[in-house]
Amino acid sequence: MANGKADYYDLLGVSKSATADEIKKAYRRQALEWHPDKHKDNKEAAEKRFKEINEAYQILSDPQKRQSYDQFGHQAFSPGGGARGGNPFQGQNPFGQGSPFTYTYSSQGGGVPFDFSDPFEIFEQFFGGGSPFRQQRMPRYSIALTFMEAAKGVEKEVNVEGKKRTIKIPAGVDEGSRIQFNEFILSINVKPDENFERDGADVYNRVNIPFSLAVLGGNIEVPTIDGNVKIKIRGGTPSGTIVRLKEKGVQKLQGRGRGDHYVRIHVQVPQKLSREQKKLIKELQEEDM
């Protein structure tokens, strides 16, 4: 496992020595079991598992990709653990110039030019162009949001099949979230933010403080998704200390309330000191010995 991703062989329920035919049969079994149309009570979890199963099949059914995966694991498709630069959702836009919709999505943290295809398209191709379920699949598209748009919610004016319309995206959506509208299902992709990171409904950021503040204590203002908040730094705070701001995170999509905001304190040690400062630090050092 890498970056929190499950092993592809485990997802399909096969051994690493499985033949191509065994992988194909395993995919058929797992895809039928986890198709979202069979899990209406817990569709979000089923869609997540269904997507993972399809990713596993797309890698393990291709001899070259399987060889890379066997040798390097998930890192074969995410070198350096960093997100690929630029827009991973480039390509022909079926909705006209300026529309945020695209048909494809990429693996998280991908650095290799490999895009996973729509899992529902793979499923239908596998079963000869049609789903074995009676329910007609709605068109699925993707839209890219900034971190703050996803956290706070936003209205977007878009062109859908030549028609201009406004869609409302609720606060709290995250990477991979799906929203069902009347005519289509929308997948959410969230762009990285320079200041904040996110884990579910919780938000994280790092704040640098001067050495003197860490030693003596005091108050500082830290940024949150709702603006700056004043927090108290206790005297003697070591670098790496985490301060929790209760319910200052993102609105929870399921259930009430918000997540928390966690501030990691980084103490900046001065690189240059005056003669008087060096004298004071030396006196402090002698007292500690």
C-alpha atoms as a PDB file:
ATOM      1  CA  MET A   1       0.000   0.000   0.000  1.00  0.00           C
ATOM      2  CA  ALA A   2       1.206   3.546  -0.856  1.00  0.00           C
ATOM      3  CA  ASN A   3      -0.404   6.898  -0.229  1.00  0.00           C
ATOM      4  CA  GLY A   4      -3.264   5.108   1.522  1.00  0.00           C
ATOM      5  CA  LYS A   5      -4.242   3.156  -1.634  1.00  0.00           C
ATOM      6  CA  ALA A   6      -5.259  -0.495  -1.349  1.00  0.00           C
ATOM      7  CA  ASP A   7      -3.269  -3.201  -3.108  1.00  0.00           C
ATOM      8  CA  TYR A   8      -4.704  -3.869  -6.563  1.00  0.00           C
ATOM      9  CA  TYR A   9      -4.438  -7.640  -6.210  1.00  0.00           C
ATOM     10  CA  ASP A  10      -6.299  -7.506  -2.906  1.00  0.00           C
ATOM     11  CA  LEU A  11      -9.047  -5.367  -4.462  1.00  0.00           C
ATOM     12  CA  LEU A  12      -9.712  -8.004  -7.112  1.00  0.00           C
ATOM     13  CA  GLY A  13      -9.204 -10.896  -4.702  1.00  0.00           C
ATOM     14  CA  VAL A  14      -6.454 -12.599  -6.721  1.00  0.00           C
ATOM     15  CA  SER A  15      -2.862 -13.622  -6.079  1.00  0.00           C
ATOM     16  CA  LYS A  16       0.123 -11.904  -7.652  1.00  0.00           C
ATOM     17  CA  SER A  17       0.598 -14.948  -9.880  1.00  0.00           C
ATOM     18  CA  ALA A  18      -2.963 -14.759 -11.248  1.00  0.00           C
ATOM     19  CA  THR A  19      -3.375 -15.315 -14.974  1.00  0.00           C
ATOM     20  CA  ALA A  20      -4.981 -12.768 -17.300  1.00  0.00           C
ATOM     21  CA  ASP A  21      -8.131 -14.916 -17.410  1.00  0.00           C
ATOM     22  CA  GLU A  22      -8.286 -15.103 -13.609  1.00  0.00           C
ATOM     23  CA  ILE A  23      -7.947 -11.314 -13.386  1.00  0.00           C
ATOM     24  CA  LYS A  24     -10.738 -10.887 -15.931  1.00  0.00           C
ATOM     25  CA  LYS A  25     -13.063 -13.224 -14.034  1.00  0.00           C
ATOM     26  CA  ALA A  26     -12.206 -11.536 -10.730  1.00  0.00           C
ATOM     27  CA  TYR A  27     -12.989  -8.134 -12.173  1.00  0.00           C
ATOM     28  CA  ARG A  28     -16.337  -9.352 -13.464  1.00  0.00           C
ATOM     29  CA  ARG A  29     -17.224 -10.727 -10.032  1.00  0.00           C
ATOM     30  CA  GLN A  30     -16.091  -7.678  -8.056  1.00  0.00           C
ATOM     31  CA  ALA A  31     -17.556  -5.118 -10.486  1.00  0.00           C
ATOM     32  CA  LEU A  32     -20.958  -6.791 -10.408  1.00  0.00           C
ATOM     33  CA  GLU A  33     -20.853  -6.993  -6.623  1.00  0.00           C
ATOM     34  CA  TRP A  34     -19.886  -3.329  -6.100  1.00  0.00           C
ATOM     35  CA  HIS A  35     -21.788  -1.620  -8.905  1.00  0.00           C
ATOM     36  CA  PRO A  36     -23.426   1.461  -7.302  1.00  0.00           C
ATOM     37  CA  ASP A  37     -26.832   0.547  -8.720  1.00  0.00           C
ATOM     38  CA  LYS A  38     -26.840  -2.423  -6.330  1.00  0.00           C
ATOM     39  CA  HIS A  39     -26.056  -0.300  -3.257  1.00  0.00           C
ATOM     40  CA  LYS A  40     -28.648   2.440  -3.167  1.00  0.00           C
ATOM     41  CA  ASP A  41     -28.445   2.681   0.652  1.00  0.00           C
ATOM     42  CA  ASN A  42     -24.694   3.341   0.606  1.00  0.00           C
ATOM     43  CA  LYS A  43     -24.038   4.506  -2.932  1.00  0.00           C
ATOM     44  CA  GLU A  44     -21.109   6.801  -2.135  1.00  0.00           C
ATOM     45  CA  ALA A  45     -19.050   4.014  -0.556  1.00  0.00           C
ATOM     46  CA  ALA A  46     -19.970   1.639  -3.381  1.00  0.00           C
ATOM     47  CA  GLU A  47     -18.911   4.171  -6.024  1.00  0.00           C
ATOM     48  CA  LYS A  48     -15.553   4.611  -4.276  1.00  0.00           C
ATOM     49  CA  ARG A  49     -14.960   0.841  -4.195  1.00  0.00           C
ATOM     50  CA  PHE A  50     -16.224   0.466  -7.775  1.00  0.00           C
ATOM     51  CA  LYS A  51     -13.715   3.072  -8.936  1.00  0.00           C
ATOM     52  CA  GLU A  52     -10.869   1.327  -7.066  1.00  0.00           C
ATOM     53  CA  ILE A  53     -11.791  -2.024  -8.622  1.00  0.00           C
ATOM     54  CA  ASN A  54     -11.736  -0.498 -12.096  1.00  0.00           C
ATOM     55  CA  GLU A  55      -8.377   1.152 -11.454  1.00  0.00           C
ATOM     56  CA  ALA A  56      -7.007  -2.225 -10.372  1.00  0.00           C
ATOM     57  CA  TYR A  57      -8.363  -3.914 -13.480  1.00  0.00           C
ATOM     58  CA  GLN A  58      -6.985  -1.259 -15.833  1.00  0.00           C
ATOM     59  CA  ILE A  59      -3.495  -1.756 -14.379  1.00  0.00           C
ATOM     60  CA  LEU A  60      -3.431  -5.523 -13.921  1.00  0.00           C
ATOM     61  CA  SER A  61      -5.062  -6.328 -17.278  1.00  0.00           C
ATOM     62  CA  ASP A  62      -2.280  -4.482 -19.112  1.00  0.00           C
ATOM     63  CA  PRO A  63       0.974  -6.525 -19.127  1.00  0.00           C
ATOM     64  CA  GLN A  64       3.297  -3.494 -19.188  1.00  0.00           C
ATOM     65  CA  LYS A  65       1.443  -1.570 -16.491  1.00  0.00           C
ATOM     66  CA  ARG A  66       1.185  -4.730 -14.391  1.00  0.00           C
ATOM     67  CA  GLN A  67       4.937  -5.259 -14.653  1.00  0.00           C
ATOM     68  CA  SER A  68       5.562  -1.679 -13.497  1.00  0.00           C
ATOM     69  CA  TYR A  69       3.108  -2.106 -10.625  1.00  0.00           C
ATOM     70  CA  ASP A  70       4.705  -5.406  -9.542  1.00  0.00           C
ATOM     71  CA  GLN A  71       8.094  -3.724  -9.441  1.00  0.00           C
ATOM     72  CA  PHE A  72       7.265  -0.333  -7.942  1.00  0.00           C
ATOM     73  CA  GLY A  73       3.721  -0.596  -6.576  1.00  0.00           C
ATOM     74  CA  HIS A  74       1.557   2.523  -6.696  1.00  0.00           C
ATOM     75  CA  GLN A  75       4.705   4.658  -6.950  1.00  0.00           C
ATOM     76  CA  ALA A  76       4.975   3.495 -10.561  1.00  0.00           C
ATOM     77  CA  PHE A  77       2.108   5.881 -11.301  1.00  0.00           C
ATOM     78  CA  SER A  78       2.923   8.637  -8.790  1.00  0.00           C
ATOM     79  CA  PRO A  79       6.673   9.310  -8.852  1.00  0.00           C
ATOM     80  CA  GLY A  80       7.841  11.634  -6.119  1.00  0.00           C
ATOM     81  CA  GLY A  81       4.459  11.500  -4.443  1.00  0.00           C
ATOM     82  CA  GLY A  82       3.607  14.864  -5.958  1.00  0.00           C
ATOM     83  CA  ALA A  83       0.720  15.968  -8.104  1.00  0.00           C
ATOM     84  CA  ARG A  84       1.343  16.351 -11.786  1.00  0.00           C
ATOM     85  CA  GLY A  85       1.772  19.960 -12.845  1.00  0.00           C
ATOM     86  CA  GLY A  86      -0.819  21.643 -14.993  1.00  0.00           C
ATOM     87  CA  ASN A  87      -4.375  20.591 -15.644  1.00  0.00           C
ATOM     88  CA  PRO A  88      -4.825  16.773 -15.618  1.00  0.00           C
ATOM     89  CA  PHE A  89      -8.246  17.128 -17.224  1.00  0.00           C
ATOM     90  CA  GLN A  90      -7.167  18.423 -20.585  1.00  0.00           C
ATOM     91  CA  GLY A  91      -8.709  17.160 -23.772  1.00  0.00           C
ATOM     92  CA  GLN A  92     -11.534  17.866 -26.148  1.00  0.00           C
ATOM     93  CA  ASN A  93     -14.480  19.483 -24.411  1.00  0.00           C
ATOM     94  CA  PRO A  94     -17.856  18.208 -25.645  1.00  0.00           C
ATOM     95  CA  PHE A  95     -19.690  21.134 -24.045  1.00  0.00           C
ATOM     96  CA  GLY A  96     -18.057  23.977 -25.918  1.00  0.00           C
ATOM     97  CA  GLN A  97     -15.400  26.581 -25.224  1.00  0.00           C
ATOM     98  CA  GLY A  98     -15.070  27.695 -21.617  1.00  0.00           C
ATOM     99  CA  SER A  99     -17.063  24.850 -20.085  1.00  0.00           C
ATOM    100  CA  PRO A 100     -15.444  23.284 -16.968  1.00  0.00           C
ATOM    101  CA  PHE A 101     -16.728  19.807 -17.844  1.00  0.00           C
ATOM    102  CA  THR A 102     -14.522  16.995 -19.116  1.00  0.00           C
ATOM    103  CA  TYR A 103     -14.974  13.291 -19.581  1.00  0.00           C
ATOM    104  CA  THR A 104     -11.805  12.009 -17.909  1.00  0.00           C
ATOM    105  CA  TYR A 105     -10.251  11.953 -14.476  1.00  0.00           C
ATOM    106  CA  SER A 106      -6.748  11.158 -13.263  1.00  0.00           C
ATOM    107  CA  SER A 107      -5.350   9.158 -10.383  1.00  0.00           C
ATOM    108  CA  GLN A 108      -4.474  11.269  -7.326  1.00  0.00           C
ATOM    109  CA  GLY A 109      -0.849  12.232  -7.051  1.00  0.00           C
ATOM    110  CA  GLY A 110      -0.162  10.999 -10.570  1.00  0.00           C
ATOM    111  CA  GLY A 111       3.100  12.014 -12.158  1.00  0.00           C
ATOM    112  CA  VAL A 112       3.103   9.571 -15.072  1.00  0.00           C
ATOM    113  CA  PRO A 113       1.008  10.520 -18.127  1.00  0.00           C
ATOM    114  CA  PHE A 114      -1.629   7.882 -17.418  1.00  0.00           C
ATOM    115  CA  ASP A 115      -5.291   8.711 -16.943  1.00  0.00           C
ATOM    116  CA  PHE A 116      -7.718   6.144 -15.561  1.00  0.00           C
ATOM    117  CA  SER A 117     -10.765   5.879 -17.801  1.00  0.00           C
ATOM    118  CA  ASP A 118     -14.327   6.357 -16.597  1.00  0.00           C
ATOM    119  CA  PRO A 119     -15.065   3.191 -14.537  1.00  0.00           C
ATOM    120  CA  PHE A 120     -18.620   3.026 -15.855  1.00  0.00           C
ATOM    121  CA  GLU A 121     -17.404   3.099 -19.454  1.00  0.00           C
ATOM    122  CA  ILE A 122     -14.935   0.304 -18.701  1.00  0.00           C
ATOM    123  CA  PHE A 123     -17.745  -1.677 -17.072  1.00  0.00           C
ATOM    124  CA  GLU A 124     -20.056  -1.288 -20.073  1.00  0.00           C
ATOM    125  CA  GLN A 125     -17.302  -2.153 -22.546  1.00  0.00           C
ATOM    126  CA  PHE A 126     -16.506  -5.267 -20.539  1.00  0.00           C
ATOM    127  CA  PHE A 127     -20.118  -6.405 -20.744  1.00  0.00           C
ATOM    128  CA  GLY A 128     -20.376  -5.823 -24.473  1.00  0.00           C
ATOM    129  CA  GLY A 129     -21.486  -2.191 -24.539  1.00  0.00           C
ATOM    130  CA  GLY A 130     -24.345  -2.384 -22.063  1.00  0.00           C
ATOM    131  CA  SER A 131     -24.817  -2.594 -18.320  1.00  0.00           C
ATOM    132  CA  PRO A 132     -26.441  -5.752 -16.928  1.00  0.00           C
ATOM    133  CA  PHE A 133     -28.524  -3.474 -14.722  1.00  0.00           C
ATOM    134  CA  ARG A 134     -31.782  -2.055 -16.005  1.00  0.00           C
ATOM    135  CA  GLN A 135     -31.250   1.453 -14.692  1.00  0.00           C
ATOM    136  CA  GLN A 136     -29.971   3.726 -17.441  1.00  0.00           C
ATOM    137  CA  ARG A 137     -26.705   5.356 -16.516  1.00  0.00           C
ATOM    138  CA  MET A 138     -26.767   9.130 -16.394  1.00  0.00           C
ATOM    139  CA  PRO A 139     -23.970  11.051 -18.132  1.00  0.00           C
ATOM    140  CA  ARG A 140     -21.040  11.762 -15.833  1.00  0.00           C
ATOM    141  CA  TYR A 141     -18.820  14.828 -16.051  1.00  0.00           C
ATOM    142  CA  SER A 142     -16.094  16.486 -13.989  1.00  0.00           C
ATOM    143  CA  ILE A 143     -15.525  20.021 -12.743  1.00  0.00           C
ATOM    144  CA  ALA A 144     -12.433  21.540 -11.153  1.00  0.00           C
ATOM    145  CA  LEU A 145     -12.867  23.726  -8.051  1.00  0.00           C
ATOM    146  CA  THR A 146     -10.462  25.712  -5.942  1.00  0.00           C
ATOM    147  CA  PHE A 147      -9.910  24.612  -2.356  1.00  0.00           C
ATOM    148  CA  MET A 148     -12.083  27.448  -1.026  1.00  0.00           C
ATOM    149  CA  GLU A 149     -14.886  26.818  -3.540  1.00  0.00           C
ATOM    150  CA  ALA A 150     -15.071  23.207  -2.393  1.00  0.00           C
ATOM    151  CA  ALA A 151     -14.897  24.140   1.276  1.00  0.00           C
ATOM    152  CA  LYS A 152     -17.392  27.012   1.215  1.00  0.00           C
ATOM    153  CA  GLY A 153     -19.694  25.989  -1.639  1.00  0.00           C
ATOM    154  CA  VAL A 154     -20.151  27.872  -4.885  1.00  0.00           C
ATOM    155  CA  GLU A 155     -22.505  28.554  -7.758  1.00  0.00           C
ATOM    156  CA  LYS A 156     -21.116  28.005 -11.239  1.00  0.00           C
ATOM    157  CA  GLU A 157     -22.529  29.185 -14.543  1.00  0.00           C
ATOM    158  CA  VAL A 158     -21.715  26.551 -17.151  1.00  0.00           C
ATOM    159  CA  ASN A 159     -22.663  25.537 -20.684  1.00  0.00           C
ATOM    160  CA  VAL A 160     -24.280  22.103 -20.839  1.00  0.00           C
ATOM    161  CA  GLU A 161     -24.983  20.839 -24.364  1.00  0.00           C
ATOM    162  CA  GLY A 162     -25.153  24.387 -25.640  1.00  0.00           C
ATOM    163  CA  LYS A 163     -27.432  25.616 -22.864  1.00  0.00           C
ATOM    164  CA  LYS A 164     -26.257  28.038 -20.183  1.00  0.00           C
ATOM    165  CA  ARG A 165     -27.291  27.103 -16.671  1.00  0.00           C
ATOM    166  CA  THR A 166     -26.317  27.746 -13.055  1.00  0.00           C
ATOM    167  CA  ILE A 167     -25.420  24.827 -10.807  1.00  0.00           C
ATOM    168  CA  LYS A 168     -25.079  25.025  -7.036  1.00  0.00           C
ATOM    169  CA  ILE A 169     -22.304  23.041  -5.397  1.00  0.00           C
ATOM    170  CA  PRO A 170     -22.738  22.586  -1.623  1.00  0.00           C
ATOM    171  CA  ALA A 171     -20.097  23.434   0.957  1.00  0.00           C
ATOM    172  CA  GLY A 172     -17.931  20.503   1.999  1.00  0.00           C
ATOM    173  CA  VAL A 173     -17.463  18.644  -1.287  1.00  0.00           C
ATOM    174  CA  ASP A 174     -14.070  17.018  -1.645  1.00  0.00           C
ATOM    175  CA  GLU A 175     -11.909  15.349  -4.265  1.00  0.00           C
ATOM    176  CA  GLY A 176     -13.949  12.540  -5.839  1.00  0.00           C
ATOM    177  CA  SER A 177     -17.328  13.737  -4.495  1.00  0.00           C
ATOM    178  CA  ARG A 178     -20.272  13.145  -6.840  1.00  0.00           C
ATOM    179  CA  ILE A 179     -23.357  15.346  -7.137  1.00  0.00           C
ATOM    180  CA  GLN A 180     -26.436  14.118  -8.983  1.00  0.00           C
ATOM    181  CA  PHE A 181     -28.366  16.719 -10.948  1.00  0.00           C
ATOM    182  CA  ASN A 182     -31.503  16.067 -13.001  1.00  0.00           C
ATOM    183  CA  GLU A 183     -29.683  15.329 -16.260  1.00  0.00           C
ATOM    184  CA  PHE A 184     -26.183  14.270 -15.186  1.00  0.00           C
ATOM    185  CA  ILE A 185     -23.819  13.327 -12.372  1.00  0.00           C
ATOM    186  CA  LEU A 186     -20.941  15.660 -11.576  1.00  0.00           C
ATOM    187  CA  SER A 187     -17.580  14.514 -10.172  1.00  0.00           C
ATOM    188  CA  ILE A 188     -15.572  17.033  -8.164  1.00  0.00           C
ATOM    189  CA  ASN A 189     -11.858  17.635  -8.555  1.00  0.00           C
ATOM    190  CA  VAL A 190     -10.218  20.007  -6.052  1.00  0.00           C
ATOM    191  CA  LYS A 191      -7.095  21.995  -6.880  1.00  0.00           C
ATOM    192  CA  PRO A 192      -4.348  22.142  -4.218  1.00  0.00           C
ATOM    193  CA  ASP A 193      -4.141  25.261  -2.048  1.00  0.00           C
ATOM    194  CA  GLU A 194      -0.969  27.130  -1.108  1.00  0.00           C
ATOM    195  CA  ASN A 195      -1.958  27.564   2.540  1.00  0.00           C
ATOM    196  CA  PHE A 196      -4.358  24.793   3.503  1.00  0.00           C
ATOM    197  CA  GLU A 197      -4.514  21.019   3.313  1.00  0.00           C
ATOM    198  CA  ARG A 198      -7.534  18.888   4.035  1.00  0.00           C
ATOM    199  CA  ASP A 199      -8.404  15.455   5.411  1.00  0.00           C
ATOM    200  CA  GLY A 200     -12.152  14.926   5.182  1.00  0.00           C
ATOM    201  CA  ALA A 201     -13.772  17.811   7.040  1.00  0.00           C
ATOM    202  CA  ASP A 202     -10.569  18.736   8.911  1.00  0.00           C
ATOM    203  CA  VAL A 203      -8.244  21.492   7.680  1.00  0.00           C
ATOM    204  CA  TYR A 204      -4.504  21.802   8.336  1.00  0.00           C
ATOM    205  CA  ASN A 205      -1.957  24.551   7.888  1.00  0.00           C
ATOM    206  CA  ARG A 206       1.462  25.576   9.181  1.00  0.00           C
ATOM    207  CA  VAL A 207       2.308  28.858  10.880  1.00  0.00           C
ATOM    208  CA  ASN A 208       5.817  30.181  11.455  1.00  0.00           C
ATOM    209  CA  ILE A 209       6.470  32.035  14.708  1.00  0.00           C
ATOM    210  CA  PRO A 210       9.632  33.789  15.906  1.00  0.00           C
ATOM    211  CA  PHE A 211      11.869  32.155  18.483  1.00  0.00           C
ATOM    212  CA  SER A 212      11.138  34.899  21.016  1.00  0.00           C
ATOM    213  CA  LEU A 213       7.379  34.249  20.827  1.00  0.00           C
ATOM    214  CA  ALA A 214       7.909  30.525  21.331  1.00  0.00           C
ATOM    215  CA  VAL A 215      10.002  31.219  24.435  1.00  0.00           C
ATOM    216  CA  LEU A 216       7.972  33.994  26.008  1.00  0.00           C
ATOM    217  CA  GLY A 217       4.483  33.236  24.694  1.00  0.00           C
ATOM    218  CA  GLY A 218       1.904  35.636  23.337  1.00  0.00           C
ATOM    219  CA  ASN A 219      -0.928  35.962  20.847  1.00  0.00           C
ATOM    220  CA  ILE A 220      -0.862  35.642  17.061  1.00  0.00           C
ATOM    221  CA  GLU A 221      -3.422  35.591  14.272  1.00  0.00           C
ATOM    222  CA  VAL A 222      -3.635  32.497  12.057  1.00  0.00           C
ATOM    223  CA  PRO A 223      -5.561  32.106   8.793  1.00  0.00           C
ATOM    224  CA  THR A 224      -8.606  29.814   8.588  1.00  0.00           C
ATOM    225  CA  ILE A 225     -11.157  29.269   5.817  1.00  0.00           C
ATOM    226  CA  ASP A 226     -13.334  31.872   7.588  1.00  0.00           C
ATOM    227  CA  GLY A 227     -10.596  34.463   7.997  1.00  0.00           C
ATOM    228  CA  ASN A 228      -7.954  35.160  10.643  1.00  0.00           C
ATOM    229  CA  VAL A 229      -8.407  33.853  14.184  1.00  0.00           C
ATOM    230  CA  LYS A 230      -6.367  34.914  17.226  1.00  0.00           C
ATOM    231  CA  ILE A 231      -4.729  32.084  19.183  1.00  0.00           C
ATOM    232  CA  LYS A 232      -2.550  32.048  22.288  1.00  0.00           C
ATOM    233  CA  ILE A 233       0.991  30.693  22.168  1.00  0.00           C
ATOM    234  CA  ARG A 234       2.157  29.419  25.531  1.00  0.00           C
ATOM    235  CA  GLY A 235       5.668  30.225  26.711  1.00  0.00           C
ATOM    236  CA  GLY A 236       8.064  27.385  25.953  1.00  0.00           C
ATOM    237  CA  THR A 237       6.108  26.089  22.949  1.00  0.00           C
ATOM    238  CA  PRO A 238       8.308  23.654  20.977  1.00  0.00           C
ATOM    239  CA  SER A 239       8.381  23.526  17.181  1.00  0.00           C
ATOM    240  CA  GLY A 240       5.876  20.999  15.835  1.00  0.00           C
ATOM    241  CA  THR A 241       3.194  21.774  18.410  1.00  0.00           C
ATOM    242  CA  ILE A 242      -0.337  21.388  16.989  1.00  0.00           C
ATOM    243  CA  VAL A 243      -3.143  23.702  18.074  1.00  0.00           C
ATOM    244  CA  ARG A 244      -6.721  22.561  17.511  1.00  0.00           C
ATOM    245  CA  LEU A 245      -9.414  25.061  16.562  1.00  0.00           C
ATOM    246  CA  LYS A 246     -12.672  23.262  17.217  1.00  0.00           C
ATOM    247  CA  GLU A 247     -15.269  23.340  14.420  1.00  0.00           C
ATOM    248  CA  LYS A 248     -13.229  25.749  12.292  1.00  0.00           C
ATOM    249  CA  GLY A 249     -12.888  23.215   9.497  1.00  0.00           C
ATOM    250  CA  VAL A 250     -15.137  22.328   6.562  1.00  0.00           C
ATOM    251  CA  GLN A 251     -18.886  21.722   6.679  1.00  0.00           C
ATOM    252  CA  LYS A 252     -19.614  17.991   6.862  1.00  0.00           C
ATOM    253  CA  LEU A 253     -21.554  16.729   3.863  1.00  0.00           C
ATOM    254  CA  GLN A 254     -23.106  13.884   5.827  1.00  0.00           C
ATOM    255  CA  GLY A 255     -24.280  14.759   9.299  1.00  0.00           C
ATOM    256  CA  ARG A 256     -24.221  18.082  11.088  1.00  0.00           C
ATOM    257  CA  GLY A 257     -21.426  20.342  12.175  1.00  0.00           C
ATOM    258  CA  ARG A 258     -17.982  21.094  10.861  1.00  0.00           C
ATOM    259  CA  GLY A 259     -14.568  19.538  11.096  1.00  0.00           C
ATOM    260  CA  ASP A 260     -11.689  21.032  13.064  1.00  0.00           C
ATOM    261  CA  HIS A 261      -8.788  23.211  12.003  1.00  0.00           C
ATOM    262  CA  TYR A 262      -5.301  22.135  13.096  1.00  0.00           C
ATOM    263  CA  VAL A 263      -2.442  24.633  13.190  1.00  0.00           C
ATOM    264  CA  ARG A 264       1.079  23.216  13.237  1.00  0.00           C
ATOM    265  CA  ILE A 265       3.500  25.643  14.902  1.00  0.00           C
ATOM    266  CA  HIS A 266       6.946  25.984  13.359  1.00  0.00           C
ATOM    267  CA  VAL A 267       9.492  27.887  15.444  1.00  0.00           C
ATOM    268  CA  GLN A 268      11.920  29.927  13.372  1.00  0.00           C
ATOM    269  CA  VAL A 269      15.393  29.918  14.877  1.00  0.00           C
ATOM    270  CA  PRO A 270      17.240  33.183  14.097  1.00  0.00           C
ATOM    271  CA  GLN A 271      20.194  32.804  11.755  1.00  0.00           C
ATOM    272  CA  LYS A 272      21.927  35.992  12.856  1.00  0.00           C
ATOM    273  CA  LEU A 273      22.133  37.412  16.367  1.00  0.00           C
ATOM    274  CA  SER A 274      23.455  40.695  17.669  1.00  0.00           C
ATOM    275  CA  ARG A 275      26.192  40.710  20.269  1.00  0.00           C
ATOM    276  CA  GLU A 276      23.671  41.512  22.998  1.00  0.00           C
ATOM    277  CA  GLN A 277      21.357  38.710  21.868  1.00  0.00           C
ATOM    278  CA  LYS A 278      24.199  36.217  21.855  1.00  0.00           C
ATOM    279  CA  LYS A 279      25.100  37.289  25.372  1.00  0.00           C
ATOM    280  CA  LEU A 280      21.541  36.754  26.613  1.00  0.00           C
ATOM    281  CA  ILE A 281      21.313  33.317  24.937  1.00  0.00           C
ATOM    282  CA  LYS A 282      24.656  32.319  26.439  1.00  0.00           C
ATOM    283  CA  GLU A 283      23.490  33.344  29.903  1.00  0.00           C
ATOM    284  CA  LEU A 284      20.336  31.275  29.390  1.00  0.00           C
ATOM    285  CA  GLN A 285      22.448  28.337  28.274  1.00  0.00           C
ATOM    286  CA  GLU A 286      24.635  28.551  31.370  1.00  0.00           C
ATOM    287  CA  GLU A 287      21.563  28.568  33.621  1.00  0.00           C
ATOM    288  CA  ASP A 288      20.262  25.417  31.936  1.00  0.00           C
ATOM    289  CA  MET A 289      23.517  23.535  32.490  1.00  0.00           C
END
